[in-house]
Protein backbone atom coordinates (compact mmCIF):
# COMPACT_ATOMS: atom_id res chain seq x y z
CA UNK A 1 0.00 0.00 0.00
CA UNK A 2 1.30 3.42 -0.94
CA UNK A 3 1.73 6.04 1.77
CA UNK A 4 0.06 9.36 0.92
CA UNK A 5 1.52 12.53 2.37
CA UNK A 6 -0.36 15.72 2.89
CA UNK A 7 0.93 18.26 0.39
CA UNK A 8 -1.39 21.04 1.51
CA UNK A 9 0.20 24.26 2.74
CA UNK A 10 0.25 24.91 6.48
CA UNK A 11 -3.08 26.03 7.95
CA UNK A 12 -1.64 29.44 8.70
CA UNK A 13 0.77 30.64 6.01
CA UNK A 14 3.67 32.78 7.16
CA UNK A 15 2.33 35.79 5.27
CA UNK A 16 -1.13 35.68 6.89
CA UNK A 17 0.16 37.88 9.69
CA UNK A 18 1.32 40.39 7.09
CA UNK A 19 -2.19 40.42 5.61
CA UNK A 20 -3.79 41.10 8.99
CA UNK A 21 -1.32 43.87 9.77
CA UNK A 22 -1.76 45.24 6.25
CA UNK A 23 -5.51 45.38 6.68
CA UNK A 24 -5.20 47.28 9.96
CA UNK A 25 -2.53 49.60 8.52
CA UNK A 26 -4.61 50.35 5.42
CA UNK A 27 -7.78 51.02 7.41
CA UNK A 28 -5.96 53.27 9.90
CA UNK A 29 -4.31 55.11 7.02
CA UNK A 30 -7.72 55.94 5.54
CA UNK A 31 -9.00 57.19 8.89
CA UNK A 32 -5.97 59.41 9.44
CA UNK A 33 -3.65 60.19 6.50
CA UNK A 34 -6.16 59.83 3.64
CA UNK A 35 -8.95 61.79 5.29
CA UNK A 36 -6.58 64.46 6.64
CA UNK A 37 -5.20 65.01 3.13
CA UNK A 38 -8.75 65.29 1.80
CA UNK A 39 -9.52 67.79 4.57
CA UNK A 40 -6.51 69.95 3.73
CA UNK A 41 -7.41 69.91 0.03
CA UNK A 42 -11.03 70.74 0.87
CA UNK A 43 -10.00 73.67 3.09
CA UNK A 44 -7.69 74.91 0.32
CA UNK A 45 -10.62 74.81 -2.11
CA UNK A 46 -8.97 72.15 -4.28
CA UNK A 47 -11.37 69.31 -3.41
CA UNK A 48 -15.13 69.30 -3.19
CA UNK A 49 -15.24 66.12 -1.09
CA UNK A 50 -15.55 66.40 2.67
CA UNK A 51 -13.39 64.28 4.99
CA UNK A 52 -14.78 61.87 7.58
CA UNK A 53 -18.26 61.79 5.99
CA UNK A 54 -20.87 59.78 7.85
CA UNK A 55 -23.29 59.72 4.91
CA UNK A 56 -24.70 56.19 4.54
CA UNK A 57 -23.47 54.25 1.51
CA UNK A 58 -25.46 51.81 -0.58
CA UNK A 59 -26.42 49.03 -0.29
CA UNK A 60 -25.77 48.50 3.43
CA UNK A 61 -26.02 52.05 4.83
CA UNK A 62 -22.50 52.00 6.28
CA UNK A 63 -21.03 55.49 6.89
CA UNK A 64 -18.85 56.55 3.96
CA UNK A 65 -15.70 56.92 6.04
CA UNK A 66 -16.05 53.38 7.45
CA UNK A 67 -16.69 51.99 3.98
CA UNK A 68 -13.55 53.78 2.78
CA UNK A 69 -11.62 52.37 5.75
CA UNK A 70 -12.75 48.83 4.85
CA UNK A 71 -11.59 49.23 1.24
CA UNK A 72 -8.40 50.86 2.49
CA UNK A 73 -7.88 47.77 4.65
CA UNK A 74 -8.24 45.49 1.64
CA UNK A 75 -5.75 47.63 -0.28
CA UNK A 76 -3.54 47.43 2.81
CA UNK A 77 -3.44 43.63 2.34
CA UNK A 78 -2.16 44.13 -1.21
CA UNK A 79 0.27 46.76 0.06
CA UNK A 80 1.58 44.42 2.79
CA UNK A 81 2.37 41.74 0.21
CA UNK A 82 4.05 44.09 -2.28
CA UNK A 83 5.91 46.44 0.06
CA UNK A 84 8.73 43.94 0.59
CA UNK A 85 9.88 44.77 -2.95
CA UNK A 86 9.88 48.51 -2.34
CA UNK A 87 13.28 50.23 -2.06
CA UNK A 88 14.90 50.24 1.37
CA UNK A 89 15.64 53.36 3.35
CA UNK A 90 12.97 55.58 4.89
CA UNK A 91 12.75 58.20 2.14
CA UNK A 92 12.88 55.69 -0.72
CA UNK A 93 10.26 53.48 0.94
CA UNK A 94 7.94 56.43 1.60
CA UNK A 95 8.35 57.67 -1.97
CA UNK A 96 7.55 54.19 -3.32
CA UNK A 97 4.57 53.96 -0.97
CA UNK A 98 3.29 57.34 -2.15
CA UNK A 99 3.67 56.28 -5.78
CA UNK A 100 1.91 52.95 -5.12
CA UNK A 101 -1.09 54.72 -3.63
CA UNK A 102 -1.13 57.56 -6.13
CA UNK A 103 -0.82 55.37 -9.21
CA UNK A 104 -2.38 51.99 -8.42
CA UNK A 105 -5.30 53.08 -6.25
CA UNK A 106 -6.11 56.07 -8.45
CA UNK A 107 -6.03 54.06 -11.69
CA UNK A 108 -8.30 51.41 -10.20
CA UNK A 109 -10.60 54.17 -8.98
CA UNK A 110 -10.71 55.87 -12.38
CA UNK A 111 -11.10 52.79 -14.57
CA UNK A 112 -12.95 50.30 -12.33
CA UNK A 113 -14.70 51.90 -9.35
CA UNK A 114 -16.14 55.01 -10.99
CA UNK A 115 -17.62 53.13 -13.98
CA UNK A 116 -19.11 50.52 -11.62
CA UNK A 117 -20.82 53.37 -9.77
CA UNK A 118 -22.21 54.72 -13.05
CA UNK A 119 -19.84 57.67 -13.10
CA UNK A 120 -17.62 58.72 -16.00
CA UNK A 121 -14.20 57.11 -16.40
CA UNK A 122 -11.54 59.22 -14.74
CA UNK A 123 -14.23 61.30 -13.06
CA UNK A 124 -14.74 63.11 -16.35
CA UNK A 125 -11.03 63.99 -16.49
CA UNK A 126 -11.53 67.13 -14.38
CA UNK A 127 -8.05 68.31 -13.30
CA UNK A 128 -9.05 69.17 -9.71
CA UNK A 129 -10.60 65.74 -9.17
CA UNK A 130 -7.69 63.99 -10.81
CA UNK A 131 -5.18 65.82 -8.62
CA UNK A 132 -7.25 65.11 -5.52
CA UNK A 133 -7.24 61.37 -6.28
CA UNK A 134 -3.50 61.28 -6.84
CA UNK A 135 -2.65 63.26 -3.69
CA UNK A 136 -5.15 61.63 -1.33
CA UNK A 137 -4.34 58.09 -2.48
CA UNK A 138 -0.61 58.81 -2.44
CA UNK A 139 -0.94 60.09 1.11
CA UNK A 140 -2.80 56.88 1.95
CA UNK A 141 0.27 54.96 0.72
CA UNK A 142 2.56 56.92 3.03
CA UNK A 143 0.23 56.29 5.97
CA UNK A 144 -0.05 52.59 5.17
CA UNK A 145 3.75 52.36 5.13
CA UNK A 146 4.08 54.16 8.47
CA UNK A 147 1.35 52.13 10.18
CA UNK A 148 2.63 48.84 8.77
CA UNK A 149 6.14 49.55 10.06
CA UNK A 150 4.83 50.51 13.51
CA UNK A 151 2.52 47.48 13.71
CA UNK A 152 5.28 45.09 12.59
CA UNK A 153 7.63 46.51 15.20
CA UNK A 154 4.96 46.23 17.90
CA UNK A 155 4.21 42.61 16.99
CA UNK A 156 7.87 41.62 16.80
CA UNK A 157 8.48 43.30 20.17
CA UNK A 158 5.65 41.31 21.78
CA UNK A 159 6.62 37.99 20.19
CA UNK A 160 10.06 37.44 21.64
CA UNK A 161 12.10 34.36 20.92
CA UNK A 162 13.28 32.51 24.02
CA UNK A 163 16.96 32.48 24.80
CA UNK A 164 19.02 29.27 25.02
CA UNK A 165 17.69 28.42 28.50
CA UNK A 166 14.10 28.71 27.21
CA UNK A 167 13.36 32.00 29.01
Foldseek 3Di string as FASTA:
>chain_A
DDDDDDPDDDPQDPCPVLLVLLLVLQLVLLLPQLLVLQCVCVVVVLDPDHGPAQQFDPDPGGGPSNVNSNVSSNVSSVCSVPLVPFDDDLVSSLQVLLCCQLPVVLQCCQQPVQVVVVAHRVNVVDVSVNVSSSRSRSSSSNSSVVSSVVVVVVVPVVDDAADPVRD
